[in-house]
């Protein structure tokens, strides 16, 4: 009996850049794990002293860049 050949409807190879958004990482210099509450009441999770946010998230970027407890990581 032949195996069915299933093709994904859409995958990353079809749209390599369209499906990937730019993410920025920040190092938490104080805690290895915590929950941050942004001014707009959203939560950001710090895990292994790192928090990752979208480059288009203006509120999160402003919060992290203005807080001395976070350093942007170079990738």
Protein backbone atom coordinates (compact mmCIF):
# COMPACT_ATOMS: atom_id res chain seq x y z
CA UNK A 1 0.00 0.00 0.00
CA UNK A 2 1.43 3.37 -0.99
CA UNK A 3 2.02 6.06 1.58
CA UNK A 4 -0.07 9.19 1.12
CA UNK A 5 1.91 12.23 0.14
CA UNK A 6 0.79 15.23 2.11
CA UNK A 7 2.09 18.68 1.35
CA UNK A 8 1.75 21.49 3.84
CA UNK A 9 -0.58 24.27 2.78
CA UNK A 10 2.04 26.91 3.53
CA UNK A 11 5.48 26.60 4.98
CA UNK A 12 8.43 28.87 5.70
CA UNK A 13 10.22 27.88 2.50
CA UNK A 14 7.42 29.34 0.39
CA UNK A 15 7.67 32.75 2.09
CA UNK A 16 10.99 32.79 3.92
CA UNK A 17 11.07 36.49 4.83
CA UNK A 18 7.35 37.16 5.06
CA UNK A 19 6.78 34.73 7.94
CA UNK A 20 9.75 35.79 10.03
CA UNK A 21 9.56 38.95 12.05
CA UNK A 22 12.59 40.64 13.50
CA UNK A 23 13.01 39.80 17.19
CA UNK A 24 15.23 41.64 19.62
CA UNK A 25 16.67 40.09 22.78
CA UNK A 26 17.44 41.85 26.03
CA UNK A 27 19.48 40.61 28.99
CA UNK A 28 17.93 41.05 32.44
CA UNK A 29 20.89 42.04 34.62
CA UNK A 30 19.00 41.53 37.90
CA UNK A 31 16.75 38.47 37.62
CA UNK A 32 16.90 35.19 35.71
CA UNK A 33 13.12 34.79 35.76
CA UNK A 34 10.29 37.27 36.27
CA UNK A 35 7.16 38.74 34.73
CA UNK A 36 7.23 42.33 33.52
CA UNK A 37 4.02 44.37 33.30
CA UNK A 38 4.17 46.95 30.52
CA UNK A 39 2.40 50.33 30.73
CA UNK A 40 -0.35 48.99 28.44
CA UNK A 41 -0.92 46.09 30.91
CA UNK A 42 0.66 43.39 28.72
CA UNK A 43 3.09 40.88 30.24
CA UNK A 44 6.62 40.06 29.13
CA UNK A 45 8.30 36.97 30.52
CA UNK A 46 11.97 36.87 31.45
CA UNK A 47 13.39 33.36 31.10
CA UNK A 48 17.04 32.47 31.64
CA UNK A 49 17.74 36.19 32.12
CA UNK A 50 16.49 36.93 28.61
CA UNK A 51 13.39 38.62 27.24
CA UNK A 52 12.54 38.65 23.52
CA UNK A 53 10.30 41.22 21.85
CA UNK A 54 9.27 42.08 18.33
CA UNK A 55 11.15 44.95 16.71
CA UNK A 56 7.76 46.49 15.90
CA UNK A 57 6.58 46.51 19.54
CA UNK A 58 7.17 50.17 20.39
CA UNK A 59 5.80 49.95 23.95
CA UNK A 60 7.99 46.99 24.95
CA UNK A 61 11.09 48.46 23.30
CA UNK A 62 10.65 51.79 25.04
CA UNK A 63 10.15 50.06 28.40
CA UNK A 64 13.24 47.86 28.04
CA UNK A 65 15.54 50.54 26.62
CA UNK A 66 14.62 53.07 29.32
CA UNK A 67 15.09 50.58 32.17
CA UNK A 68 18.68 50.28 33.44
CA UNK A 69 18.10 46.64 34.42
CA UNK A 70 18.03 45.54 30.75
CA UNK A 71 20.74 45.50 28.09
CA UNK A 72 20.04 44.85 24.42
CA UNK A 73 21.97 41.82 23.17
CA UNK A 74 23.86 41.99 19.89
CA UNK A 75 23.17 39.09 17.58
